Amino acid sequence: MADRLLPVLVALGGFLGATARYLVGTVAGGPIGTLLVNVAGSFALALAVGNVRSTRLRTLLMTGLLSSFTTYSTFAVETASLGLELGIANVVATYALGFAAAFLGLLVGRRWA
């Protein structure tokens, strides 16, 4: 039987992640704020992958909170609005820092496990 609490956990995590994303945007708006949330989200997701065993907690954190905290659509629109040179720099920075954060999150997660 399916766990009926999972959709509630997705909604709760989504609320928390979207609220956190909004707050980061008020402090650091535009492409910098988007870069910050995407890099932090990459780190947190990689950290959670190796350490969170509970299906309910994974659903809350990974599917709910982190998926609403990070934002590909905003990244795409902001990158397109920056023009060619700054847009390319934003893509390179986002992917390089995102992969580095994910790698670091996996390393830290393995040490905690």
PDB file of N, CA and C in Angstrom:
ATOM      1  N   MET A   1       0.836  -1.175   0.000  1.00  0.00           N
ATOM      2  CA  MET A   1       0.000   0.000   0.000  1.00  0.00           C
ATOM      3  C   MET A   1       0.887   1.248   0.000  1.00  0.00           C
ATOM      4  N   ALA A   2       0.500   2.246  -0.749  1.00  0.00           N
ATOM      5  CA  ALA A   2       1.265   3.483  -0.867  1.00  0.00           C
ATOM      6  C   ALA A   2       1.223   4.265   0.448  1.00  0.00           C
ATOM      7  N   ASP A   3       2.288   4.961   0.710  1.00  0.00           N
ATOM      8  CA  ASP A   3       2.367   5.803   1.896  1.00  0.00           C
ATOM      9  C   ASP A   3       1.605   7.094   1.613  1.00  0.00           C
ATOM     10  N   ARG A   4       0.480   7.271   2.252  1.00  0.00           N
ATOM     11  CA  ARG A   4      -0.385   8.425   1.996  1.00  0.00           C
ATOM     12  C   ARG A   4       0.190   9.737   2.525  1.00  0.00           C
ATOM     13  N   LEU A   5       1.220   9.652   3.333  1.00  0.00           N
ATOM     14  CA  LEU A   5       1.839  10.854   3.874  1.00  0.00           C
ATOM     15  C   LEU A   5       2.797  11.506   2.860  1.00  0.00           C
ATOM     16  N   LEU A   6       3.273  10.756   1.869  1.00  0.00           N
ATOM     17  CA  LEU A   6       4.274  11.278   0.942  1.00  0.00           C
ATOM     18  C   LEU A   6       3.844  12.555   0.210  1.00  0.00           C
ATOM     19  N   PRO A   7       2.617  12.641  -0.321  1.00  0.00           N
ATOM     20  CA  PRO A   7       2.235  13.906  -0.962  1.00  0.00           C
ATOM     21  C   PRO A   7       2.221  15.099   0.000  1.00  0.00           C
ATOM     22  N   VAL A   8       1.891  14.848   1.245  1.00  0.00           N
ATOM     23  CA  VAL A   8       1.905  15.906   2.255  1.00  0.00           C
ATOM     24  C   VAL A   8       3.342  16.367   2.505  1.00  0.00           C
ATOM     25  N   LEU A   9       4.266  15.410   2.536  1.00  0.00           N
ATOM     26  CA  LEU A   9       5.671  15.748   2.738  1.00  0.00           C
ATOM     27  C   LEU A   9       6.236  16.527   1.555  1.00  0.00           C
ATOM     28  N   VAL A  10       5.831  16.178   0.341  1.00  0.00           N
ATOM     29  CA  VAL A  10       6.254  16.938  -0.840  1.00  0.00           C
ATOM     30  C   VAL A  10       5.737  18.368  -0.733  1.00  0.00           C
ATOM     31  N   ALA A  11       4.468  18.533  -0.352  1.00  0.00           N
ATOM     32  CA  ALA A  11       3.876  19.869  -0.230  1.00  0.00           C
ATOM     33  C   ALA A  11       4.572  20.678   0.861  1.00  0.00           C
ATOM     34  N   LEU A  12       4.832  20.076   2.008  1.00  0.00           N
ATOM     35  CA  LEU A  12       5.506  20.767   3.104  1.00  0.00           C
ATOM     36  C   LEU A  12       6.920  21.164   2.694  1.00  0.00           C
ATOM     37  N   GLY A  13       7.657  20.219   2.107  1.00  0.00           N
ATOM     38  CA  GLY A  13       9.010  20.520   1.643  1.00  0.00           C
ATOM     39  C   GLY A  13       8.995  21.594   0.574  1.00  0.00           C
ATOM     40  N   GLY A  14       8.019  21.518  -0.335  1.00  0.00           N
ATOM     41  CA  GLY A  14       7.900  22.529  -1.379  1.00  0.00           C
ATOM     42  C   GLY A  14       7.658  23.915  -0.807  1.00  0.00           C
ATOM     43  N   PHE A  15       6.806  23.988   0.190  1.00  0.00           N
ATOM     44  CA  PHE A  15       6.544  25.269   0.856  1.00  0.00           C
ATOM     45  C   PHE A  15       7.819  25.817   1.491  1.00  0.00           C
ATOM     46  N   LEU A  16       8.535  24.953   2.207  1.00  0.00           N
ATOM     47  CA  LEU A  16       9.764  25.396   2.881  1.00  0.00           C
ATOM     48  C   LEU A  16      10.835  25.800   1.870  1.00  0.00           C
ATOM     49  N   GLY A  17      10.989  25.017   0.812  1.00  0.00           N
ATOM     50  CA  GLY A  17      11.997  25.323  -0.194  1.00  0.00           C
ATOM     51  C   GLY A  17      11.690  26.596  -0.958  1.00  0.00           C
ATOM     52  N   ALA A  18      10.435  26.766  -1.336  1.00  0.00           N
ATOM     53  CA  ALA A  18      10.048  27.975  -2.069  1.00  0.00           C
ATOM     54  C   ALA A  18      10.190  29.215  -1.193  1.00  0.00           C
ATOM     55  N   THR A  19       9.860  29.086   0.077  1.00  0.00           N
ATOM     56  CA  THR A  19      10.008  30.209   1.002  1.00  0.00           C
ATOM     57  C   THR A  19      11.485  30.559   1.175  1.00  0.00           C
ATOM     58  N   ALA A  20      12.314  29.546   1.334  1.00  0.00           N
ATOM     59  CA  ALA A  20      13.758  29.779   1.459  1.00  0.00           C
ATOM     60  C   ALA A  20      14.312  30.422   0.191  1.00  0.00           C
ATOM     61  N   ARG A  21      13.847  29.965  -0.962  1.00  0.00           N
ATOM     62  CA  ARG A  21      14.293  30.531  -2.240  1.00  0.00           C
ATOM     63  C   ARG A  21      13.905  32.006  -2.334  1.00  0.00           C
ATOM     64  N   TYR A  22      12.706  32.323  -1.918  1.00  0.00           N
ATOM     65  CA  TYR A  22      12.245  33.710  -1.915  1.00  0.00           C
ATOM     66  C   TYR A  22      13.130  34.565  -1.007  1.00  0.00           C
ATOM     67  N   LEU A  23      13.438  34.065   0.183  1.00  0.00           N
ATOM     68  CA  LEU A  23      14.255  34.823   1.130  1.00  0.00           C
ATOM     69  C   LEU A  23      15.661  35.054   0.597  1.00  0.00           C
ATOM     70  N   VAL A  24      16.252  34.050  -0.039  1.00  0.00           N
ATOM     71  CA  VAL A  24      17.569  34.239  -0.654  1.00  0.00           C
ATOM     72  C   VAL A  24      17.476  35.310  -1.736  1.00  0.00           C
ATOM     73  N   GLY A  25      16.407  35.284  -2.516  1.00  0.00           N
ATOM     74  CA  GLY A  25      16.216  36.272  -3.563  1.00  0.00           C
ATOM     75  C   GLY A  25      16.075  37.690  -3.048  1.00  0.00           C
ATOM     76  N   THR A  26      15.578  37.848  -1.828  1.00  0.00           N
ATOM     77  CA  THR A  26      15.468  39.193  -1.261  1.00  0.00           C
ATOM     78  C   THR A  26      16.827  39.711  -0.797  1.00  0.00           C
ATOM     79  N   VAL A  27      17.712  38.808  -0.460  1.00  0.00           N
ATOM     80  CA  VAL A  27      19.058  39.193  -0.027  1.00  0.00           C
ATOM     81  C   VAL A  27      19.993  39.338  -1.228  1.00  0.00           C
ATOM     82  N   ALA A  28      19.951  38.370  -2.118  1.00  0.00           N
ATOM     83  CA  ALA A  28      20.813  38.363  -3.311  1.00  0.00           C
ATOM     84  C   ALA A  28      19.943  38.036  -4.511  1.00  0.00           C
ATOM     85  N   GLY A  29      19.443  39.054  -5.163  1.00  0.00           N
ATOM     86  CA  GLY A  29      18.545  38.843  -6.290  1.00  0.00           C
ATOM     87  C   GLY A  29      19.277  38.614  -7.589  1.00  0.00           C
ATOM     88  N   GLY A  30      18.514  38.331  -8.623  1.00  0.00           N
ATOM     89  CA  GLY A  30      19.057  38.161  -9.970  1.00  0.00           C
ATOM     90  C   GLY A  30      19.911  36.919 -10.118  1.00  0.00           C
ATOM     91  N   PRO A  31      20.800  36.921 -11.090  1.00  0.00           N
ATOM     92  CA  PRO A  31      21.612  35.733 -11.372  1.00  0.00           C
ATOM     93  C   PRO A  31      22.476  35.272 -10.201  1.00  0.00           C
ATOM     94  N   ILE A  32      22.925  36.200  -9.362  1.00  0.00           N
ATOM     95  CA  ILE A  32      23.752  35.806  -8.205  1.00  0.00           C
ATOM     96  C   ILE A  32      22.922  34.982  -7.216  1.00  0.00           C
ATOM     97  N   GLY A  33      21.718  35.422  -6.923  1.00  0.00           N
ATOM     98  CA  GLY A  33      20.853  34.665  -6.022  1.00  0.00           C
ATOM     99  C   GLY A  33      20.513  33.294  -6.577  1.00  0.00           C
ATOM    100  N   THR A  34      20.253  33.238  -7.883  1.00  0.00           N
ATOM    101  CA  THR A  34      19.952  31.959  -8.526  1.00  0.00           C
ATOM    102  C   THR A  34      21.161  31.034  -8.470  1.00  0.00           C
ATOM    103  N   LEU A  35      22.347  31.586  -8.720  1.00  0.00           N
ATOM    104  CA  LEU A  35      23.577  30.796  -8.626  1.00  0.00           C
ATOM    105  C   LEU A  35      23.752  30.255  -7.210  1.00  0.00           C
ATOM    106  N   LEU A  36      23.534  31.093  -6.212  1.00  0.00           N
ATOM    107  CA  LEU A  36      23.686  30.664  -4.814  1.00  0.00           C
ATOM    108  C   LEU A  36      22.754  29.509  -4.462  1.00  0.00           C
ATOM    109  N   VAL A  37      21.476  29.624  -4.833  1.00  0.00           N
ATOM    110  CA  VAL A  37      20.547  28.549  -4.467  1.00  0.00           C
ATOM    111  C   VAL A  37      20.846  27.271  -5.238  1.00  0.00           C
ATOM    112  N   ASN A  38      21.249  27.394  -6.495  1.00  0.00           N
ATOM    113  CA  ASN A  38      21.534  26.188  -7.268  1.00  0.00           C
ATOM    114  C   ASN A  38      22.789  25.471  -6.777  1.00  0.00           C
ATOM    115  N   VAL A  39      23.812  26.229  -6.381  1.00  0.00           N
ATOM    116  CA  VAL A  39      25.030  25.611  -5.848  1.00  0.00           C
ATOM    117  C   VAL A  39      24.754  25.006  -4.467  1.00  0.00           C
ATOM    118  N   ALA A  40      24.071  25.748  -3.610  1.00  0.00           N
ATOM    119  CA  ALA A  40      23.729  25.220  -2.282  1.00  0.00           C
ATOM    120  C   ALA A  40      22.828  23.995  -2.401  1.00  0.00           C
ATOM    121  N   GLY A  41      21.875  24.036  -3.332  1.00  0.00           N
ATOM    122  CA  GLY A  41      20.988  22.898  -3.543  1.00  0.00           C
ATOM    123  C   GLY A  41      21.726  21.685  -4.063  1.00  0.00           C
ATOM    124  N   SER A  42      22.701  21.883  -4.938  1.00  0.00           N
ATOM    125  CA  SER A  42      23.516  20.771  -5.447  1.00  0.00           C
ATOM    126  C   SER A  42      24.281  20.107  -4.317  1.00  0.00           C
ATOM    127  N   PHE A  43      24.869  20.924  -3.446  1.00  0.00           N
ATOM    128  CA  PHE A  43      25.596  20.390  -2.298  1.00  0.00           C
ATOM    129  C   PHE A  43      24.658  19.612  -1.374  1.00  0.00           C
ATOM    130  N   ALA A  44      23.537  20.218  -1.029  1.00  0.00           N
ATOM    131  CA  ALA A  44      22.595  19.588  -0.089  1.00  0.00           C
ATOM    132  C   ALA A  44      22.013  18.299  -0.655  1.00  0.00           C
ATOM    133  N   LEU A  45      21.683  18.288  -1.937  1.00  0.00           N
ATOM    134  CA  LEU A  45      21.129  17.082  -2.550  1.00  0.00           C
ATOM    135  C   LEU A  45      22.162  15.960  -2.549  1.00  0.00           C
ATOM    136  N   ALA A  46      23.394  16.279  -2.919  1.00  0.00           N
ATOM    137  CA  ALA A  46      24.440  15.253  -2.919  1.00  0.00           C
ATOM    138  C   ALA A  46      24.708  14.747  -1.514  1.00  0.00           C
ATOM    139  N   LEU A  47      24.684  15.629  -0.539  1.00  0.00           N
ATOM    140  CA  LEU A  47      24.865  15.227   0.849  1.00  0.00           C
ATOM    141  C   LEU A  47      23.745  14.288   1.293  1.00  0.00           C
ATOM    142  N   ALA A  48      22.529  14.602   0.902  1.00  0.00           N
ATOM    143  CA  ALA A  48      21.375  13.790   1.293  1.00  0.00           C
ATOM    144  C   ALA A  48      21.362  12.437   0.599  1.00  0.00           C
ATOM    145  N   VAL A  49      21.843  12.371  -0.637  1.00  0.00           N
ATOM    146  CA  VAL A  49      21.806  11.125  -1.406  1.00  0.00           C
ATOM    147  C   VAL A  49      22.453   9.977  -0.641  1.00  0.00           C
ATOM    148  N   GLY A  50      23.601  10.232  -0.058  1.00  0.00           N
ATOM    149  CA  GLY A  50      24.305   9.161   0.632  1.00  0.00           C
ATOM    150  C   GLY A  50      23.955   8.976   2.083  1.00  0.00           C
ATOM    151  N   ASN A  51      23.186   9.879   2.650  1.00  0.00           N
ATOM    152  CA  ASN A  51      22.981   9.831   4.097  1.00  0.00           C
ATOM    153  C   ASN A  51      21.544   9.693   4.561  1.00  0.00           C
ATOM    154  N   VAL A  52      20.607  10.046   3.749  1.00  0.00           N
ATOM    155  CA  VAL A  52      19.208   9.986   4.173  1.00  0.00           C
ATOM    156  C   VAL A  52      18.614   8.657   3.724  1.00  0.00           C
ATOM    157  N   ARG A  53      18.257   7.830   4.661  1.00  0.00           N
ATOM    158  CA  ARG A  53      17.743   6.492   4.354  1.00  0.00           C
ATOM    159  C   ARG A  53      16.216   6.424   4.360  1.00  0.00           C
ATOM    160  N   SER A  54      15.604   7.223   5.168  1.00  0.00           N
ATOM    161  CA  SER A  54      14.152   7.200   5.325  1.00  0.00           C
ATOM    162  C   SER A  54      13.455   7.710   4.058  1.00  0.00           C
ATOM    163  N   THR A  55      12.520   6.929   3.554  1.00  0.00           N
ATOM    164  CA  THR A  55      11.766   7.340   2.372  1.00  0.00           C
ATOM    165  C   THR A  55      11.012   8.633   2.643  1.00  0.00           C
ATOM    166  N   ARG A  56      10.450   8.768   3.794  1.00  0.00           N
ATOM    167  CA  ARG A  56       9.701   9.983   4.121  1.00  0.00           C
ATOM    168  C   ARG A  56      10.610  11.203   4.181  1.00  0.00           C
ATOM    169  N   LEU A  57      11.761  11.059   4.809  1.00  0.00           N
ATOM    170  CA  LEU A  57      12.679  12.188   4.899  1.00  0.00           C
ATOM    171  C   LEU A  57      13.265  12.529   3.528  1.00  0.00           C
ATOM    172  N   ARG A  58      13.575  11.515   2.723  1.00  0.00           N
ATOM    173  CA  ARG A  58      14.057  11.762   1.352  1.00  0.00           C
ATOM    174  C   ARG A  58      12.995  12.515   0.546  1.00  0.00           C
ATOM    175  N   THR A  59      11.755  12.125   0.696  1.00  0.00           N
ATOM    176  CA  THR A  59      10.667  12.782  -0.027  1.00  0.00           C
ATOM    177  C   THR A  59      10.533  14.234   0.406  1.00  0.00           C
ATOM    178  N   LEU A  60      10.567  14.479   1.707  1.00  0.00           N
ATOM    179  CA  LEU A  60      10.470  15.838   2.234  1.00  0.00           C
ATOM    180  C   LEU A  60      11.630  16.698   1.744  1.00  0.00           C
ATOM    181  N   LEU A  61      12.846  16.209   1.913  1.00  0.00           N
ATOM    182  CA  LEU A  61      14.031  17.004   1.595  1.00  0.00           C
ATOM    183  C   LEU A  61      14.324  17.089   0.104  1.00  0.00           C
ATOM    184  N   MET A  62      14.371  15.928  -0.550  1.00  0.00           N
ATOM    185  CA  MET A  62      14.858  15.893  -1.921  1.00  0.00           C
ATOM    186  C   MET A  62      13.782  16.257  -2.946  1.00  0.00           C
ATOM    187  N   THR A  63      12.619  15.663  -2.827  1.00  0.00           N
ATOM    188  CA  THR A  63      11.549  15.932  -3.784  1.00  0.00           C
ATOM    189  C   THR A  63      10.840  17.234  -3.469  1.00  0.00           C
ATOM    190  N   GLY A  64      10.628  17.532  -2.205  1.00  0.00           N
ATOM    191  CA  GLY A  64       9.903  18.738  -1.822  1.00  0.00           C
ATOM    192  C   GLY A  64      10.797  19.955  -1.694  1.00  0.00           C
ATOM    193  N   LEU A  65      11.601  19.991  -0.640  1.00  0.00           N
ATOM    194  CA  LEU A  65      12.362  21.180  -0.299  1.00  0.00           C
ATOM    195  C   LEU A  65      13.383  21.560  -1.367  1.00  0.00           C
ATOM    196  N   LEU A  66      14.273  20.647  -1.721  1.00  0.00           N
ATOM    197  CA  LEU A  66      15.366  21.007  -2.626  1.00  0.00           C
ATOM    198  C   LEU A  66      14.907  21.246  -4.055  1.00  0.00           C
ATOM    199  N   SER A  67      13.864  20.548  -4.481  1.00  0.00           N
ATOM    200  CA  SER A  67      13.394  20.774  -5.852  1.00  0.00           C
ATOM    201  C   SER A  67      12.707  22.126  -5.993  1.00  0.00           C
ATOM    202  N   SER A  68      12.142  22.650  -4.918  1.00  0.00           N
ATOM    203  CA  SER A  68      11.530  23.977  -5.004  1.00  0.00           C
ATOM    204  C   SER A  68      12.515  25.084  -4.631  1.00  0.00           C
ATOM    205  N   PHE A  69      13.577  24.735  -3.942  1.00  0.00           N
ATOM    206  CA  PHE A  69      14.607  25.714  -3.581  1.00  0.00           C
ATOM    207  C   PHE A  69      15.475  26.058  -4.788  1.00  0.00           C
ATOM    208  N   THR A  70      15.872  25.050  -5.523  1.00  0.00           N
ATOM    209  CA  THR A  70      16.670  25.282  -6.730  1.00  0.00           C
ATOM    210  C   THR A  70      15.739  25.614  -7.879  1.00  0.00           C
ATOM    211  N   THR A  71      16.292  26.204  -8.927  1.00  0.00           N
ATOM    212  CA  THR A  71      15.393  26.699  -9.959  1.00  0.00           C
ATOM    213  C   THR A  71      16.060  26.762 -11.321  1.00  0.00           C
ATOM    214  N   TYR A  72      15.742  25.809 -12.164  1.00  0.00           N
ATOM    215  CA  TYR A  72      16.302  25.806 -13.512  1.00  0.00           C
ATOM    216  C   TYR A  72      15.620  26.835 -14.408  1.00  0.00           C
ATOM    217  N   SER A  73      14.333  27.002 -14.279  1.00  0.00           N
ATOM    218  CA  SER A  73      13.623  27.927 -15.161  1.00  0.00           C
ATOM    219  C   SER A  73      14.099  29.366 -14.960  1.00  0.00           C
ATOM    220  N   THR A  74      14.304  29.770 -13.730  1.00  0.00           N
ATOM    221  CA  THR A  74      14.821  31.112 -13.470  1.00  0.00           C
ATOM    222  C   THR A  74      16.228  31.249 -14.025  1.00  0.00           C
ATOM    223  N   PHE A  75      17.027  30.214 -13.843  1.00  0.00           N
ATOM    224  CA  PHE A  75      18.388  30.201 -14.393  1.00  0.00           C
ATOM    225  C   PHE A  75      18.354  30.404 -15.907  1.00  0.00           C
ATOM    226  N   ALA A  76      17.478  29.714 -16.591  1.00  0.00           N
ATOM    227  CA  ALA A  76      17.399  29.818 -18.050  1.00  0.00           C
ATOM    228  C   ALA A  76      16.981  31.218 -18.493  1.00  0.00           C
ATOM    229  N   VAL A  77      15.957  31.783 -17.866  1.00  0.00           N
ATOM    230  CA  VAL A  77      15.474  33.108 -18.250  1.00  0.00           C
ATOM    231  C   VAL A  77      16.516  34.178 -17.935  1.00  0.00           C
ATOM    232  N   GLU A  78      17.101  34.124 -16.749  1.00  0.00           N
ATOM    233  CA  GLU A  78      18.106  35.114 -16.399  1.00  0.00           C
ATOM    234  C   GLU A  78      19.329  35.014 -17.300  1.00  0.00           C
ATOM    235  N   THR A  79      19.737  33.805 -17.631  1.00  0.00           N
ATOM    236  CA  THR A  79      20.887  33.618 -18.513  1.00  0.00           C
ATOM    237  C   THR A  79      20.606  34.205 -19.887  1.00  0.00           C
ATOM    238  N   ALA A  80      19.441  33.949 -20.419  1.00  0.00           N
ATOM    239  CA  ALA A  80      19.080  34.490 -21.736  1.00  0.00           C
ATOM    240  C   ALA A  80      19.042  36.011 -21.720  1.00  0.00           C
ATOM    241  N   SER A  81      18.660  36.602 -20.605  1.00  0.00           N
ATOM    242  CA  SER A  81      18.552  38.064 -20.527  1.00  0.00           C
ATOM    243  C   SER A  81      19.903  38.753 -20.331  1.00  0.00           C
ATOM    244  N   LEU A  82      20.943  38.002 -20.023  1.00  0.00           N
ATOM    245  CA  LEU A  82      22.255  38.597 -19.764  1.00  0.00           C
ATOM    246  C   LEU A  82      23.027  38.949 -21.033  1.00  0.00           C
ATOM    247  N   GLY A  83      22.603  38.415 -22.155  1.00  0.00           N
ATOM    248  CA  GLY A  83      23.371  38.606 -23.387  1.00  0.00           C
ATOM    249  C   GLY A  83      24.367  37.477 -23.550  1.00  0.00           C
ATOM    250  N   LEU A  84      25.032  37.447 -24.672  1.00  0.00           N
ATOM    251  CA  LEU A  84      25.878  36.304 -25.027  1.00  0.00           C
ATOM    252  C   LEU A  84      27.048  36.092 -24.066  1.00  0.00           C
ATOM    253  N   GLU A  85      27.879  37.098 -23.864  1.00  0.00           N
ATOM    254  CA  GLU A  85      29.093  36.906 -23.057  1.00  0.00           C
ATOM    255  C   GLU A  85      28.782  36.618 -21.592  1.00  0.00           C
ATOM    256  N   LEU A  86      27.952  37.451 -20.973  1.00  0.00           N
ATOM    257  CA  LEU A  86      27.602  37.207 -19.572  1.00  0.00           C
ATOM    258  C   LEU A  86      26.766  35.942 -19.418  1.00  0.00           C
ATOM    259  N   GLY A  87      25.935  35.639 -20.408  1.00  0.00           N
ATOM    260  CA  GLY A  87      25.145  34.415 -20.377  1.00  0.00           C
ATOM    261  C   GLY A  87      26.024  33.178 -20.366  1.00  0.00           C
ATOM    262  N   ILE A  88      27.035  33.174 -21.226  1.00  0.00           N
ATOM    263  CA  ILE A  88      27.970  32.047 -21.258  1.00  0.00           C
ATOM    264  C   ILE A  88      28.711  31.939 -19.927  1.00  0.00           C
ATOM    265  N   ALA A  89      29.145  33.076 -19.385  1.00  0.00           N
ATOM    266  CA  ALA A  89      29.836  33.063 -18.097  1.00  0.00           C
ATOM    267  C   ALA A  89      28.928  32.515 -16.994  1.00  0.00           C
ATOM    268  N   ASN A  90      27.640  32.871 -17.036  1.00  0.00           N
ATOM    269  CA  ASN A  90      26.695  32.376 -16.036  1.00  0.00           C
ATOM    270  C   ASN A  90      26.509  30.866 -16.148  1.00  0.00           C
ATOM    271  N   VAL A  91      26.407  30.363 -17.370  1.00  0.00           N
ATOM    272  CA  VAL A  91      26.259  28.914 -17.570  1.00  0.00           C
ATOM    273  C   VAL A  91      27.495  28.181 -17.057  1.00  0.00           C
ATOM    274  N   VAL A  92      28.671  28.670 -17.434  1.00  0.00           N
ATOM    275  CA  VAL A  92      29.914  28.025 -17.001  1.00  0.00           C
ATOM    276  C   VAL A  92      30.027  28.044 -15.473  1.00  0.00           C
ATOM    277  N   ALA A  93      29.763  29.196 -14.866  1.00  0.00           N
ATOM    278  CA  ALA A  93      29.858  29.303 -13.410  1.00  0.00           C
ATOM    279  C   ALA A  93      28.844  28.406 -12.719  1.00  0.00           C
ATOM    280  N   THR A  94      27.617  28.397 -13.204  1.00  0.00           N
ATOM    281  CA  THR A  94      26.572  27.583 -12.578  1.00  0.00           C
ATOM    282  C   THR A  94      26.907  26.098 -12.645  1.00  0.00           C
ATOM    283  N   TYR A  95      27.302  25.631 -13.812  1.00  0.00           N
ATOM    284  CA  TYR A  95      27.607  24.203 -13.940  1.00  0.00           C
ATOM    285  C   TYR A  95      28.890  23.829 -13.211  1.00  0.00           C
ATOM    286  N   ALA A  96      29.930  24.636 -13.319  1.00  0.00           N
ATOM    287  CA  ALA A  96      31.188  24.319 -12.645  1.00  0.00           C
ATOM    288  C   ALA A  96      31.008  24.301 -11.131  1.00  0.00           C
ATOM    289  N   LEU A  97      30.380  25.347 -10.600  1.00  0.00           N
ATOM    290  CA  LEU A  97      30.180  25.407  -9.158  1.00  0.00           C
ATOM    291  C   LEU A  97      29.162  24.377  -8.681  1.00  0.00           C
ATOM    292  N   GLY A  98      28.137  24.119  -9.485  1.00  0.00           N
ATOM    293  CA  GLY A  98      27.142  23.108  -9.119  1.00  0.00           C
ATOM    294  C   GLY A  98      27.745  21.714  -9.038  1.00  0.00           C
ATOM    295  N   PHE A  99      28.550  21.348 -10.036  1.00  0.00           N
ATOM    296  CA  PHE A  99      29.207  20.037 -10.005  1.00  0.00           C
ATOM    297  C   PHE A  99      30.216  19.956  -8.867  1.00  0.00           C
ATOM    298  N   ALA A 100      30.956  21.031  -8.637  1.00  0.00           N
ATOM    299  CA  ALA A 100      31.909  21.043  -7.529  1.00  0.00           C
ATOM    300  C   ALA A 100      31.188  20.898  -6.188  1.00  0.00           C
ATOM    301  N   ALA A 101      30.062  21.588  -6.034  1.00  0.00           N
ATOM    302  CA  ALA A 101      29.291  21.481  -4.791  1.00  0.00           C
ATOM    303  C   ALA A 101      28.727  20.073  -4.618  1.00  0.00           C
ATOM    304  N   ALA A 102      28.243  19.481  -5.694  1.00  0.00           N
ATOM    305  CA  ALA A 102      27.720  18.113  -5.618  1.00  0.00           C
ATOM    306  C   ALA A 102      28.836  17.130  -5.254  1.00  0.00           C
ATOM    307  N   PHE A 103      29.991  17.289  -5.870  1.00  0.00           N
ATOM    308  CA  PHE A 103      31.129  16.420  -5.559  1.00  0.00           C
ATOM    309  C   PHE A 103      31.516  16.565  -4.091  1.00  0.00           C
ATOM    310  N   LEU A 104      31.593  17.813  -3.617  1.00  0.00           N
ATOM    311  CA  LEU A 104      31.927  18.059  -2.220  1.00  0.00           C
ATOM    312  C   LEU A 104      30.862  17.472  -1.292  1.00  0.00           C
ATOM    313  N   GLY A 105      29.603  17.614  -1.659  1.00  0.00           N
ATOM    314  CA  GLY A 105      28.523  17.034  -0.855  1.00  0.00           C
ATOM    315  C   GLY A 105      28.623  15.522  -0.764  1.00  0.00           C
ATOM    316  N   LEU A 106      28.959  14.886  -1.879  1.00  0.00           N
ATOM    317  CA  LEU A 106      29.145  13.424  -1.847  1.00  0.00           C
ATOM    318  C   LEU A 106      30.323  13.033  -0.962  1.00  0.00           C
ATOM    319  N   LEU A 107      31.425  13.784  -1.044  1.00  0.00           N
ATOM    320  CA  LEU A 107      32.592  13.491  -0.194  1.00  0.00           C
ATOM    321  C   LEU A 107      32.264  13.657   1.290  1.00  0.00           C
ATOM    322  N   VAL A 108      31.621  14.756   1.621  1.00  0.00           N
ATOM    323  CA  VAL A 108      31.244  15.001   3.022  1.00  0.00           C
ATOM    324  C   VAL A 108      30.259  13.936   3.478  1.00  0.00           C
ATOM    325  N   GLY A 109      29.305  13.607   2.626  1.00  0.00           N
ATOM    326  CA  GLY A 109      28.316  12.585   2.970  1.00  0.00           C
ATOM    327  C   GLY A 109      28.938  11.236   3.242  1.00  0.00           C
ATOM    328  N   ARG A 110      29.940  10.873   2.467  1.00  0.00           N
ATOM    329  CA  ARG A 110      30.609   9.578   2.683  1.00  0.00           C
ATOM    330  C   ARG A 110      31.351   9.538   4.008  1.00  0.00           C
ATOM    331  N   ARG A 111      31.866  10.663   4.417  1.00  0.00           N
ATOM    332  CA  ARG A 111      32.575  10.718   5.713  1.00  0.00           C
ATOM    333  C   ARG A 111      31.610  10.593   6.885  1.00  0.00           C
ATOM    334  N   TRP A 112      30.396  11.102   6.703  1.00  0.00           N
ATOM    335  CA  TRP A 112      29.385  11.014   7.757  1.00  0.00           C
ATOM    336  C   TRP A 112      28.746   9.651   7.837  1.00  0.00           C
ATOM    337  N   ALA A 113      28.747   8.923   6.726  1.00  0.00           N
ATOM    338  CA  ALA A 113      28.036   7.639   6.669  1.00  0.00           C
ATOM    339  C   ALA A 113      28.737   6.573   7.472  1.00  0.00           C
TER     340      ALA A 113
END
